Amino acid sequence: MKSKEQILAWTAFAFFVLQVFLVLMSWIVNSTMPTLPVRSLLSSEGIRWFLGNFVSNLSTPFLVWMLLLSVAWGELKESGMQKALSMLFKKRKLMYRQRFALWVVLLLLMVYVAFIGFLTCAPHAILLSSTGDLFPSSFSASIVPIIAFGISFLSISYGVISGAQAKLTDIFRGLTAGGASVLPFGLLYILAAQLYFSLSFVLNINM
């Protein structure tokens, strides 16, 4: 069975090959069949578009979601809460501070869910749309940040109460630990996003 690194590496390579293929084919089709609505990425217009829009093409909500979830994932692991939950589901014995921390986290989770529920379910709730709809609304637009913040907050609470993160530097290390695990997916995102927007440029499709 291929390792995760091999799968990610070959996927990244496939995106790169498709990008090169798209560049060459856009140039060939545009040169041989100029009547078709196909723009070349090797033309002056294409080169200006590719370089001038490189950053804006990557600046999508998905990139922000990936960064926020990486912060939450790193803290979940470094705080020890992921391991404690795994031991709990496997019915292994936990230390007293771990059990106490989990009970506090459960209480905080209930408060957090109730707070979000108040912001979304109450009459004229703040996170509802102007027409009172849940989708689309401010809630639907912020659901990923809400989840990421909740996981981070609960993980920090567990880490502090259980003693796994006694110092501020421990919390900071946990919040930044997920960056290494998400970096390979970040590379895939860059390649996939550029391929997607390059295709939309070549076919002259507004996406």
N, C-alpha and C. Protein backbone atom coordinates (compact mmCIF):
# COMPACT_ATOMS: atom_id res chain seq x y z
N MET A 1 0.84 -1.20 0.00
CA MET A 1 0.00 0.00 0.00
C MET A 1 0.88 1.25 0.00
N LYS A 2 0.53 2.19 -0.84
CA LYS A 2 1.32 3.41 -0.92
C LYS A 2 1.14 4.24 0.34
N SER A 3 2.21 4.89 0.76
CA SER A 3 2.13 5.76 1.91
C SER A 3 1.42 7.06 1.55
N LYS A 4 1.01 7.80 2.58
CA LYS A 4 0.32 9.06 2.34
C LYS A 4 1.22 10.03 1.60
N GLU A 5 2.51 10.04 1.92
CA GLU A 5 3.44 10.95 1.26
C GLU A 5 3.55 10.63 -0.23
N GLN A 6 3.56 9.35 -0.58
CA GLN A 6 3.65 8.96 -1.99
C GLN A 6 2.40 9.40 -2.75
N ILE A 7 1.24 9.21 -2.14
CA ILE A 7 -0.02 9.60 -2.78
C ILE A 7 -0.06 11.10 -3.01
N LEU A 8 0.33 11.86 -1.98
CA LEU A 8 0.33 13.32 -2.10
C LEU A 8 1.35 13.78 -3.14
N ALA A 9 2.51 13.13 -3.16
CA ALA A 9 3.56 13.51 -4.12
C ALA A 9 3.10 13.26 -5.55
N TRP A 10 2.51 12.10 -5.81
CA TRP A 10 2.05 11.78 -7.15
C TRP A 10 0.87 12.65 -7.56
N THR A 11 0.02 13.00 -6.59
CA THR A 11 -1.10 13.90 -6.89
C THR A 11 -0.59 15.28 -7.28
N ALA A 12 0.39 15.78 -6.52
CA ALA A 12 0.99 17.08 -6.85
C ALA A 12 1.64 17.05 -8.22
N PHE A 13 2.33 15.96 -8.51
CA PHE A 13 2.99 15.82 -9.82
C PHE A 13 1.96 15.79 -10.94
N ALA A 14 0.82 15.12 -10.70
CA ALA A 14 -0.24 15.05 -11.70
C ALA A 14 -0.82 16.44 -11.98
N PHE A 15 -1.04 17.23 -10.93
CA PHE A 15 -1.53 18.60 -11.11
C PHE A 15 -0.53 19.44 -11.91
N PHE A 16 0.76 19.25 -11.62
CA PHE A 16 1.80 20.00 -12.32
C PHE A 16 1.82 19.63 -13.81
N VAL A 17 1.74 18.33 -14.09
CA VAL A 17 1.74 17.86 -15.49
C VAL A 17 0.52 18.39 -16.22
N LEU A 18 -0.64 18.37 -15.57
CA LEU A 18 -1.85 18.90 -16.20
C LEU A 18 -1.73 20.40 -16.48
N GLN A 19 -1.07 21.12 -15.57
CA GLN A 19 -0.87 22.56 -15.79
C GLN A 19 0.01 22.80 -17.01
N VAL A 20 1.11 22.07 -17.11
CA VAL A 20 2.00 22.20 -18.26
C VAL A 20 1.27 21.82 -19.54
N PHE A 21 0.49 20.74 -19.49
CA PHE A 21 -0.27 20.29 -20.65
C PHE A 21 -1.27 21.35 -21.08
N LEU A 22 -1.93 21.98 -20.10
CA LEU A 22 -2.91 23.03 -20.42
C LEU A 22 -2.23 24.23 -21.07
N VAL A 23 -1.06 24.60 -20.57
CA VAL A 23 -0.32 25.73 -21.15
C VAL A 23 0.03 25.44 -22.61
N LEU A 24 0.57 24.25 -22.88
CA LEU A 24 0.97 23.91 -24.24
C LEU A 24 -0.24 23.77 -25.16
N MET A 25 -1.29 23.11 -24.70
CA MET A 25 -2.46 22.92 -25.54
C MET A 25 -3.17 24.24 -25.84
N SER A 26 -3.21 25.14 -24.85
CA SER A 26 -3.84 26.44 -25.10
C SER A 26 -3.09 27.21 -26.18
N TRP A 27 -1.77 27.07 -26.17
CA TRP A 27 -0.96 27.75 -27.19
C TRP A 27 -1.16 27.11 -28.56
N ILE A 28 -1.19 25.77 -28.62
CA ILE A 28 -1.35 25.06 -29.89
C ILE A 28 -2.72 25.33 -30.50
N VAL A 29 -3.77 25.21 -29.68
CA VAL A 29 -5.14 25.40 -30.18
C VAL A 29 -5.34 26.85 -30.63
N ASN A 30 -4.82 27.78 -29.84
CA ASN A 30 -4.98 29.20 -30.19
C ASN A 30 -4.23 29.55 -31.46
N SER A 31 -3.11 28.87 -31.71
CA SER A 31 -2.31 29.16 -32.91
C SER A 31 -2.89 28.51 -34.16
N THR A 32 -3.38 27.28 -34.00
CA THR A 32 -3.87 26.54 -35.18
C THR A 32 -5.34 26.80 -35.48
N MET A 33 -6.12 27.11 -34.47
CA MET A 33 -7.55 27.35 -34.67
C MET A 33 -7.95 28.65 -33.97
N PRO A 34 -7.53 29.78 -34.50
CA PRO A 34 -7.77 31.07 -33.83
C PRO A 34 -9.24 31.46 -33.74
N THR A 35 -10.09 30.79 -34.50
CA THR A 35 -11.52 31.13 -34.44
C THR A 35 -12.20 30.57 -33.20
N LEU A 36 -11.58 29.61 -32.58
CA LEU A 36 -12.16 29.03 -31.37
C LEU A 36 -11.98 30.00 -30.19
N PRO A 37 -12.93 29.99 -29.24
CA PRO A 37 -12.83 30.89 -28.08
C PRO A 37 -11.86 30.34 -27.02
N VAL A 38 -10.62 30.16 -27.42
CA VAL A 38 -9.59 29.62 -26.53
C VAL A 38 -8.45 30.64 -26.44
N ARG A 39 -8.08 30.98 -25.22
CA ARG A 39 -6.99 31.93 -25.02
C ARG A 39 -5.71 31.19 -24.63
N SER A 40 -4.60 31.68 -25.11
CA SER A 40 -3.31 31.04 -24.85
C SER A 40 -2.67 31.59 -23.58
N LEU A 41 -2.16 30.67 -22.77
CA LEU A 41 -1.44 31.07 -21.56
C LEU A 41 -0.02 31.53 -21.87
N LEU A 42 0.43 31.28 -23.11
CA LEU A 42 1.78 31.71 -23.52
C LEU A 42 1.75 33.02 -24.29
N SER A 43 0.57 33.57 -24.48
CA SER A 43 0.48 34.88 -25.13
C SER A 43 0.80 35.97 -24.12
N SER A 44 0.96 37.19 -24.61
CA SER A 44 1.24 38.30 -23.69
C SER A 44 0.10 38.49 -22.70
N GLU A 45 -1.13 38.32 -23.20
CA GLU A 45 -2.29 38.43 -22.31
C GLU A 45 -2.27 37.32 -21.26
N GLY A 46 -1.95 36.10 -21.69
CA GLY A 46 -1.94 34.96 -20.78
C GLY A 46 -0.87 35.08 -19.70
N ILE A 47 0.32 35.53 -20.10
CA ILE A 47 1.40 35.67 -19.13
C ILE A 47 1.07 36.77 -18.12
N ARG A 48 0.51 37.89 -18.62
CA ARG A 48 0.10 38.95 -17.70
C ARG A 48 -0.96 38.45 -16.73
N TRP A 49 -1.92 37.68 -17.25
CA TRP A 49 -2.98 37.16 -16.38
C TRP A 49 -2.41 36.21 -15.34
N PHE A 50 -1.56 35.28 -15.77
CA PHE A 50 -1.05 34.25 -14.86
C PHE A 50 -0.25 34.86 -13.72
N LEU A 51 0.65 35.79 -14.05
CA LEU A 51 1.48 36.40 -13.02
C LEU A 51 0.71 37.45 -12.21
N GLY A 52 -0.11 38.23 -12.89
CA GLY A 52 -0.83 39.30 -12.20
C GLY A 52 -1.93 38.82 -11.29
N ASN A 53 -2.49 37.63 -11.58
CA ASN A 53 -3.61 37.11 -10.79
C ASN A 53 -3.22 35.91 -9.93
N PHE A 54 -1.93 35.64 -9.83
CA PHE A 54 -1.49 34.46 -9.09
C PHE A 54 -1.94 34.52 -7.62
N VAL A 55 -1.72 35.65 -6.99
CA VAL A 55 -2.08 35.78 -5.57
C VAL A 55 -3.60 35.79 -5.39
N SER A 56 -4.29 36.56 -6.23
CA SER A 56 -5.75 36.65 -6.08
C SER A 56 -6.42 35.31 -6.35
N ASN A 57 -5.84 34.50 -7.23
CA ASN A 57 -6.41 33.18 -7.49
C ASN A 57 -6.33 32.27 -6.26
N LEU A 58 -5.28 32.45 -5.48
CA LEU A 58 -5.11 31.61 -4.28
C LEU A 58 -5.87 32.15 -3.08
N SER A 59 -6.29 33.39 -3.15
CA SER A 59 -6.96 34.02 -2.00
C SER A 59 -8.45 33.66 -1.99
N THR A 60 -8.72 32.42 -1.64
CA THR A 60 -10.10 31.93 -1.57
C THR A 60 -10.43 31.55 -0.13
N PRO A 61 -11.71 31.44 0.20
CA PRO A 61 -12.10 31.01 1.56
C PRO A 61 -11.51 29.66 1.94
N PHE A 62 -11.33 28.79 0.94
CA PHE A 62 -10.80 27.46 1.24
C PHE A 62 -9.42 27.53 1.88
N LEU A 63 -8.59 28.46 1.43
CA LEU A 63 -7.25 28.63 2.01
C LEU A 63 -7.35 29.03 3.47
N VAL A 64 -8.25 29.95 3.79
CA VAL A 64 -8.45 30.38 5.18
C VAL A 64 -8.96 29.22 6.02
N TRP A 65 -9.91 28.46 5.48
CA TRP A 65 -10.44 27.31 6.21
C TRP A 65 -9.33 26.31 6.53
N MET A 66 -8.47 26.08 5.55
CA MET A 66 -7.38 25.12 5.75
C MET A 66 -6.43 25.59 6.85
N LEU A 67 -6.13 26.88 6.89
CA LEU A 67 -5.25 27.41 7.92
C LEU A 67 -5.89 27.32 9.31
N LEU A 68 -7.17 27.68 9.40
CA LEU A 68 -7.86 27.64 10.69
C LEU A 68 -7.98 26.21 11.21
N LEU A 69 -8.31 25.27 10.33
CA LEU A 69 -8.44 23.87 10.76
C LEU A 69 -7.09 23.28 11.13
N SER A 70 -6.01 23.75 10.49
CA SER A 70 -4.68 23.26 10.87
C SER A 70 -4.31 23.73 12.27
N VAL A 71 -4.70 24.96 12.62
CA VAL A 71 -4.47 25.46 13.98
C VAL A 71 -5.23 24.61 14.98
N ALA A 72 -6.51 24.33 14.68
CA ALA A 72 -7.34 23.52 15.58
C ALA A 72 -6.81 22.10 15.71
N TRP A 73 -6.39 21.51 14.59
CA TRP A 73 -5.89 20.14 14.61
C TRP A 73 -4.59 20.03 15.41
N GLY A 74 -3.70 21.00 15.21
CA GLY A 74 -2.45 20.97 15.95
C GLY A 74 -2.66 21.08 17.45
N GLU A 75 -3.55 21.97 17.87
CA GLU A 75 -3.82 22.13 19.30
C GLU A 75 -4.53 20.91 19.87
N LEU A 76 -5.42 20.32 19.09
CA LEU A 76 -6.12 19.11 19.54
C LEU A 76 -5.14 17.99 19.86
N LYS A 77 -4.11 17.84 19.03
CA LYS A 77 -3.12 16.80 19.24
C LYS A 77 -2.16 17.15 20.37
N GLU A 78 -1.63 18.39 20.34
CA GLU A 78 -0.61 18.77 21.31
C GLU A 78 -1.16 18.90 22.73
N SER A 79 -2.43 19.21 22.86
CA SER A 79 -3.02 19.33 24.20
C SER A 79 -3.24 17.98 24.86
N GLY A 80 -3.21 16.93 24.07
CA GLY A 80 -3.44 15.60 24.61
C GLY A 80 -4.90 15.19 24.59
N MET A 81 -5.80 16.07 24.14
CA MET A 81 -7.22 15.74 24.17
C MET A 81 -7.56 14.66 23.15
N GLN A 82 -6.90 14.67 22.00
CA GLN A 82 -7.16 13.62 21.02
C GLN A 82 -6.80 12.25 21.58
N LYS A 83 -5.66 12.16 22.24
CA LYS A 83 -5.24 10.90 22.83
C LYS A 83 -6.18 10.47 23.95
N ALA A 84 -6.61 11.43 24.77
CA ALA A 84 -7.53 11.11 25.86
C ALA A 84 -8.86 10.61 25.34
N LEU A 85 -9.38 11.24 24.29
CA LEU A 85 -10.64 10.79 23.71
C LEU A 85 -10.49 9.41 23.09
N SER A 86 -9.35 9.15 22.47
CA SER A 86 -9.10 7.83 21.89
C SER A 86 -9.06 6.77 22.98
N MET A 87 -8.40 7.08 24.09
CA MET A 87 -8.35 6.13 25.22
C MET A 87 -9.73 5.93 25.82
N LEU A 88 -10.53 6.99 25.85
CA LEU A 88 -11.87 6.89 26.41
C LEU A 88 -12.75 5.98 25.55
N PHE A 89 -12.69 6.14 24.24
CA PHE A 89 -13.49 5.30 23.34
C PHE A 89 -13.02 3.85 23.35
N LYS A 90 -11.73 3.63 23.62
CA LYS A 90 -11.20 2.27 23.71
C LYS A 90 -11.37 1.69 25.11
N LYS A 91 -12.03 2.47 25.98
CA LYS A 91 -12.32 2.05 27.37
C LYS A 91 -11.05 1.77 28.16
N ARG A 92 -10.05 2.60 27.92
CA ARG A 92 -8.83 2.51 28.71
C ARG A 92 -8.90 3.50 29.87
N LYS A 93 -8.19 3.18 30.92
CA LYS A 93 -8.27 4.00 32.12
C LYS A 93 -7.51 5.31 31.94
N LEU A 94 -8.15 6.40 32.36
CA LEU A 94 -7.54 7.72 32.30
C LEU A 94 -7.14 8.18 33.70
N MET A 95 -6.16 9.05 33.76
CA MET A 95 -5.77 9.63 35.04
C MET A 95 -6.87 10.59 35.51
N TYR A 96 -6.86 10.90 36.80
CA TYR A 96 -7.92 11.74 37.37
C TYR A 96 -7.98 13.11 36.70
N ARG A 97 -6.83 13.74 36.49
CA ARG A 97 -6.83 15.07 35.87
C ARG A 97 -7.33 15.02 34.44
N GLN A 98 -7.06 13.92 33.74
CA GLN A 98 -7.57 13.77 32.39
C GLN A 98 -9.09 13.65 32.39
N ARG A 99 -9.61 12.83 33.31
CA ARG A 99 -11.07 12.66 33.40
C ARG A 99 -11.74 13.97 33.79
N PHE A 100 -11.15 14.68 34.76
CA PHE A 100 -11.71 15.95 35.20
C PHE A 100 -11.70 16.97 34.06
N ALA A 101 -10.58 16.99 33.32
CA ALA A 101 -10.46 17.93 32.21
C ALA A 101 -11.51 17.63 31.14
N LEU A 102 -11.77 16.36 30.87
CA LEU A 102 -12.77 16.00 29.88
C LEU A 102 -14.18 16.41 30.33
N TRP A 103 -14.46 16.28 31.61
CA TRP A 103 -15.77 16.70 32.12
C TRP A 103 -15.94 18.23 31.97
N VAL A 104 -14.87 18.97 32.25
CA VAL A 104 -14.94 20.42 32.09
C VAL A 104 -15.12 20.78 30.61
N VAL A 105 -14.40 20.07 29.75
CA VAL A 105 -14.51 20.31 28.31
C VAL A 105 -15.94 20.02 27.84
N LEU A 106 -16.53 18.96 28.35
CA LEU A 106 -17.91 18.64 27.99
C LEU A 106 -18.86 19.77 28.41
N LEU A 107 -18.65 20.30 29.60
CA LEU A 107 -19.47 21.42 30.07
C LEU A 107 -19.27 22.66 29.19
N LEU A 108 -18.01 22.95 28.86
CA LEU A 108 -17.72 24.09 28.00
C LEU A 108 -18.29 23.90 26.59
N LEU A 109 -18.27 22.67 26.11
CA LEU A 109 -18.85 22.38 24.80
C LEU A 109 -20.35 22.66 24.80
N MET A 110 -21.03 22.27 25.85
CA MET A 110 -22.47 22.53 25.95
C MET A 110 -22.75 24.03 25.98
N VAL A 111 -21.92 24.77 26.72
CA VAL A 111 -22.09 26.23 26.78
C VAL A 111 -21.82 26.84 25.41
N TYR A 112 -20.79 26.36 24.74
CA TYR A 112 -20.43 26.90 23.42
C TYR A 112 -21.53 26.62 22.40
N VAL A 113 -22.05 25.39 22.40
CA VAL A 113 -23.12 25.05 21.47
C VAL A 113 -24.37 25.87 21.77
N ALA A 114 -24.67 26.06 23.06
CA ALA A 114 -25.83 26.86 23.44
C ALA A 114 -25.66 28.31 22.99
N PHE A 115 -24.44 28.83 23.10
CA PHE A 115 -24.17 30.21 22.69
C PHE A 115 -24.35 30.36 21.19
N ILE A 116 -23.80 29.43 20.41
CA ILE A 116 -23.96 29.48 18.96
C ILE A 116 -25.43 29.29 18.59
N GLY A 117 -26.11 28.41 19.33
CA GLY A 117 -27.53 28.22 19.07
C GLY A 117 -28.33 29.49 19.32
N PHE A 118 -27.96 30.22 20.36
CA PHE A 118 -28.65 31.48 20.65
C PHE A 118 -28.45 32.49 19.54
N LEU A 119 -27.24 32.48 18.95
CA LEU A 119 -26.93 33.43 17.87
C LEU A 119 -27.58 33.05 16.54
N THR A 120 -28.07 31.80 16.46
CA THR A 120 -28.65 31.34 15.19
C THR A 120 -30.13 30.98 15.27
N CYS A 121 -30.58 30.54 16.44
CA CYS A 121 -31.94 30.01 16.54
C CYS A 121 -32.93 30.96 17.22
N ALA A 122 -32.42 31.93 17.94
CA ALA A 122 -33.32 32.86 18.62
C ALA A 122 -34.01 33.77 17.60
N PRO A 123 -35.20 34.30 17.93
CA PRO A 123 -35.86 35.24 17.01
C PRO A 123 -34.96 36.44 16.71
N HIS A 124 -34.86 36.77 15.43
CA HIS A 124 -34.00 37.87 14.97
C HIS A 124 -32.55 37.65 15.39
N ALA A 125 -32.10 36.40 15.31
CA ALA A 125 -30.73 36.06 15.71
C ALA A 125 -29.71 36.81 14.87
N ILE A 126 -28.58 37.09 15.48
CA ILE A 126 -27.56 37.92 14.83
C ILE A 126 -26.97 37.25 13.59
N LEU A 127 -26.78 35.93 13.64
CA LEU A 127 -26.10 35.25 12.55
C LEU A 127 -27.03 34.82 11.41
N LEU A 128 -28.32 35.11 11.52
CA LEU A 128 -29.24 34.81 10.43
C LEU A 128 -29.14 35.88 9.35
N SER A 129 -29.61 35.54 8.17
CA SER A 129 -29.62 36.52 7.08
C SER A 129 -30.70 37.56 7.33
N SER A 130 -30.74 38.58 6.50
CA SER A 130 -31.73 39.64 6.66
C SER A 130 -33.15 39.13 6.47
N THR A 131 -33.27 38.00 5.77
CA THR A 131 -34.60 37.41 5.56
C THR A 131 -34.91 36.32 6.58
N GLY A 132 -33.99 36.10 7.54
CA GLY A 132 -34.22 35.10 8.57
C GLY A 132 -33.80 33.70 8.19
N ASP A 133 -33.05 33.55 7.09
CA ASP A 133 -32.62 32.22 6.64
C ASP A 133 -31.28 31.84 7.27
N LEU A 134 -31.10 30.53 7.44
CA LEU A 134 -29.85 30.02 7.99
C LEU A 134 -28.82 29.77 6.90
N PHE A 135 -29.30 29.40 5.71
CA PHE A 135 -28.45 29.17 4.55
C PHE A 135 -29.04 29.90 3.35
N PRO A 136 -28.37 30.87 2.75
CA PRO A 136 -27.08 31.44 3.19
C PRO A 136 -27.28 32.48 4.28
N SER A 137 -26.28 32.66 5.10
CA SER A 137 -26.34 33.63 6.18
C SER A 137 -24.92 33.83 6.71
N SER A 138 -24.81 34.69 7.71
CA SER A 138 -23.50 34.87 8.35
C SER A 138 -23.06 33.58 9.03
N PHE A 139 -24.02 32.80 9.50
CA PHE A 139 -23.68 31.52 10.14
C PHE A 139 -23.08 30.55 9.13
N SER A 140 -23.71 30.39 7.98
CA SER A 140 -23.21 29.46 6.97
C SER A 140 -21.84 29.90 6.45
N ALA A 141 -21.61 31.21 6.39
CA ALA A 141 -20.32 31.72 5.91
C ALA A 141 -19.21 31.54 6.95
N SER A 142 -19.60 31.40 8.20
CA SER A 142 -18.59 31.31 9.28
C SER A 142 -18.59 29.97 9.99
N ILE A 143 -19.24 28.95 9.43
CA ILE A 143 -19.36 27.68 10.13
C ILE A 143 -17.99 27.01 10.35
N VAL A 144 -17.11 27.10 9.36
CA VAL A 144 -15.78 26.51 9.52
C VAL A 144 -14.97 27.25 10.59
N PRO A 145 -14.91 28.61 10.58
CA PRO A 145 -14.23 29.29 11.69
C PRO A 145 -14.85 28.99 13.05
N ILE A 146 -16.17 28.84 13.11
CA ILE A 146 -16.83 28.52 14.38
C ILE A 146 -16.36 27.16 14.89
N ILE A 147 -16.30 26.18 13.99
CA ILE A 147 -15.84 24.84 14.38
C ILE A 147 -14.37 24.87 14.79
N ALA A 148 -13.55 25.56 13.99
CA ALA A 148 -12.11 25.62 14.29
C ALA A 148 -11.85 26.32 15.62
N PHE A 149 -12.55 27.43 15.86
CA PHE A 149 -12.37 28.15 17.12
C PHE A 149 -12.83 27.29 18.29
N GLY A 150 -13.94 26.59 18.11
CA GLY A 150 -14.45 25.74 19.18
C GLY A 150 -13.48 24.64 19.54
N ILE A 151 -12.92 23.97 18.53
CA ILE A 151 -11.95 22.91 18.80
C ILE A 151 -10.71 23.46 19.49
N SER A 152 -10.23 24.61 19.02
CA SER A 152 -9.05 25.22 19.61
C SER A 152 -9.30 25.61 21.06
N PHE A 153 -10.44 26.25 21.32
CA PHE A 153 -10.78 26.68 22.68
C PHE A 153 -10.92 25.50 23.64
N LEU A 154 -11.61 24.46 23.20
CA LEU A 154 -11.80 23.28 24.05
C LEU A 154 -10.48 22.54 24.28
N SER A 155 -9.65 22.49 23.25
CA SER A 155 -8.35 21.81 23.38
C SER A 155 -7.44 22.55 24.34
N ILE A 156 -7.42 23.89 24.24
CA ILE A 156 -6.62 24.68 25.17
C ILE A 156 -7.11 24.47 26.60
N SER A 157 -8.42 24.47 26.77
CA SER A 157 -9.00 24.26 28.11
C SER A 157 -8.57 22.91 28.66
N TYR A 158 -8.63 21.88 27.82
CA TYR A 158 -8.21 20.55 28.27
C TYR A 158 -6.73 20.54 28.63
N GLY A 159 -5.91 21.13 27.75
CA GLY A 159 -4.47 21.13 27.99
C GLY A 159 -4.09 21.83 29.28
N VAL A 160 -4.74 22.95 29.58
CA VAL A 160 -4.43 23.70 30.80
C VAL A 160 -4.90 22.94 32.04
N ILE A 161 -6.12 22.42 32.00
CA ILE A 161 -6.68 21.74 33.17
C ILE A 161 -5.97 20.42 33.44
N SER A 162 -5.62 19.70 32.39
CA SER A 162 -4.96 18.41 32.58
C SER A 162 -3.49 18.56 32.93
N GLY A 163 -2.93 19.75 32.73
CA GLY A 163 -1.53 19.98 33.03
C GLY A 163 -0.61 19.72 31.86
N ALA A 164 -1.17 19.34 30.71
CA ALA A 164 -0.34 19.06 29.54
C ALA A 164 0.24 20.34 28.95
N GLN A 165 -0.44 21.46 29.16
CA GLN A 165 0.02 22.75 28.65
C GLN A 165 0.00 23.76 29.79
N ALA A 166 1.04 23.71 30.58
CA ALA A 166 1.10 24.56 31.77
C ALA A 166 1.61 25.96 31.48
N LYS A 167 2.28 26.14 30.35
CA LYS A 167 2.88 27.43 30.03
C LYS A 167 2.25 28.01 28.77
N LEU A 168 2.38 29.32 28.63
CA LEU A 168 1.86 29.99 27.44
C LEU A 168 2.59 29.50 26.19
N THR A 169 3.87 29.22 26.33
CA THR A 169 4.63 28.72 25.18
C THR A 169 4.12 27.34 24.74
N ASP A 170 3.62 26.54 25.68
CA ASP A 170 3.06 25.24 25.32
C ASP A 170 1.80 25.41 24.46
N ILE A 171 0.97 26.38 24.84
CA ILE A 171 -0.24 26.64 24.06
C ILE A 171 0.12 27.17 22.68
N PHE A 172 1.09 28.09 22.64
CA PHE A 172 1.52 28.64 21.35
C PHE A 172 2.09 27.55 20.46
N ARG A 173 2.86 26.64 21.04
CA ARG A 173 3.44 25.54 20.27
C ARG A 173 2.34 24.64 19.72
N GLY A 174 1.30 24.43 20.53
CA GLY A 174 0.20 23.59 20.07
C GLY A 174 -0.58 24.23 18.94
N LEU A 175 -0.80 25.54 19.04
CA LEU A 175 -1.56 26.24 18.01
C LEU A 175 -0.82 26.33 16.69
N THR A 176 0.49 26.21 16.72
CA THR A 176 1.28 26.29 15.50
C THR A 176 1.77 24.93 15.02
N ALA A 177 1.48 23.88 15.78
CA ALA A 177 2.00 22.56 15.43
C ALA A 177 1.34 21.97 14.19
N GLY A 178 0.12 22.40 13.89
CA GLY A 178 -0.58 21.84 12.75
C GLY A 178 -0.08 22.31 11.41
N GLY A 179 0.76 23.34 11.41
CA GLY A 179 1.26 23.87 10.15
C GLY A 179 2.03 22.86 9.33
N ALA A 180 2.85 22.04 10.01
CA ALA A 180 3.66 21.05 9.30
C ALA A 180 2.79 19.99 8.64
N SER A 181 1.71 19.60 9.31
CA SER A 181 0.85 18.55 8.77
C SER A 181 0.00 19.04 7.60
N VAL A 182 -0.30 20.34 7.58
CA VAL A 182 -1.16 20.86 6.51
C VAL A 182 -0.36 21.37 5.32
N LEU A 183 0.95 21.53 5.48
CA LEU A 183 1.77 22.08 4.39
C LEU A 183 1.70 21.26 3.10
N PRO A 184 1.75 19.92 3.15
CA PRO A 184 1.61 19.16 1.89
C PRO A 184 0.28 19.43 1.19
N PHE A 185 -0.79 19.58 1.96
CA PHE A 185 -2.09 19.88 1.37
C PHE A 185 -2.12 21.31 0.83
N GLY A 186 -1.32 22.18 1.45
CA GLY A 186 -1.22 23.54 0.95
C GLY A 186 -0.60 23.58 -0.44
N LEU A 187 0.42 22.74 -0.66
CA LEU A 187 1.03 22.65 -1.98
C LEU A 187 0.03 22.14 -3.00
N LEU A 188 -0.74 21.11 -2.62
CA LEU A 188 -1.76 20.59 -3.52
C LEU A 188 -2.80 21.65 -3.84
N TYR A 189 -3.15 22.45 -2.83
CA TYR A 189 -4.13 23.51 -3.04
C TYR A 189 -3.61 24.53 -4.05
N ILE A 190 -2.35 24.93 -3.92
CA ILE A 190 -1.77 25.91 -4.85
C ILE A 190 -1.82 25.38 -6.28
N LEU A 191 -1.40 24.14 -6.47
CA LEU A 191 -1.39 23.56 -7.82
C LEU A 191 -2.80 23.39 -8.37
N ALA A 192 -3.72 22.91 -7.52
CA ALA A 192 -5.09 22.68 -7.98
C ALA A 192 -5.81 23.99 -8.28
N ALA A 193 -5.60 25.00 -7.44
CA ALA A 193 -6.26 26.29 -7.65
C ALA A 193 -5.77 26.95 -8.93
N GLN A 194 -4.46 26.90 -9.17
CA GLN A 194 -3.93 27.51 -10.38
C GLN A 194 -4.42 26.77 -11.63
N LEU A 195 -4.52 25.45 -11.54
CA LEU A 195 -5.02 24.68 -12.67
C LEU A 195 -6.48 25.03 -12.95
N TYR A 196 -7.26 25.16 -11.90
CA TYR A 196 -8.69 25.49 -12.02
C TYR A 196 -8.89 26.86 -12.67
N PHE A 197 -8.18 27.86 -12.15
CA PHE A 197 -8.34 29.20 -12.70
C PHE A 197 -7.69 29.36 -14.07
N SER A 198 -6.63 28.61 -14.31
CA SER A 198 -6.01 28.64 -15.65
C SER A 198 -6.97 28.08 -16.69
N LEU A 199 -7.66 27.01 -16.32
CA LEU A 199 -8.64 26.43 -17.24
C LEU A 199 -9.78 27.40 -17.52
N SER A 200 -10.20 28.11 -16.48
CA SER A 200 -11.27 29.10 -16.68
C SER A 200 -10.81 30.24 -17.59
N PHE A 201 -9.53 30.62 -17.48
CA PHE A 201 -9.00 31.67 -18.36
C PHE A 201 -8.92 31.18 -19.80
N VAL A 202 -8.39 29.98 -19.99
CA VAL A 202 -8.21 29.45 -21.34
C VAL A 202 -9.56 29.31 -22.05
N LEU A 203 -10.56 28.82 -21.36
CA LEU A 203 -11.89 28.62 -21.95
C LEU A 203 -12.76 29.86 -21.88
N ASN A 204 -12.21 30.94 -21.29
CA ASN A 204 -12.91 32.21 -21.21
C ASN A 204 -14.24 32.05 -20.45
N ILE A 205 -14.14 31.36 -19.30
CA ILE A 205 -15.32 31.12 -18.46
C ILE A 205 -15.17 31.93 -17.20
N ASN A 206 -16.18 32.67 -16.84
CA ASN A 206 -16.18 33.44 -15.59
C ASN A 206 -16.59 32.54 -14.45
N MET A 207 -15.64 32.25 -13.55
CA MET A 207 -15.91 31.37 -12.41
C MET A 207 -15.74 32.13 -11.11
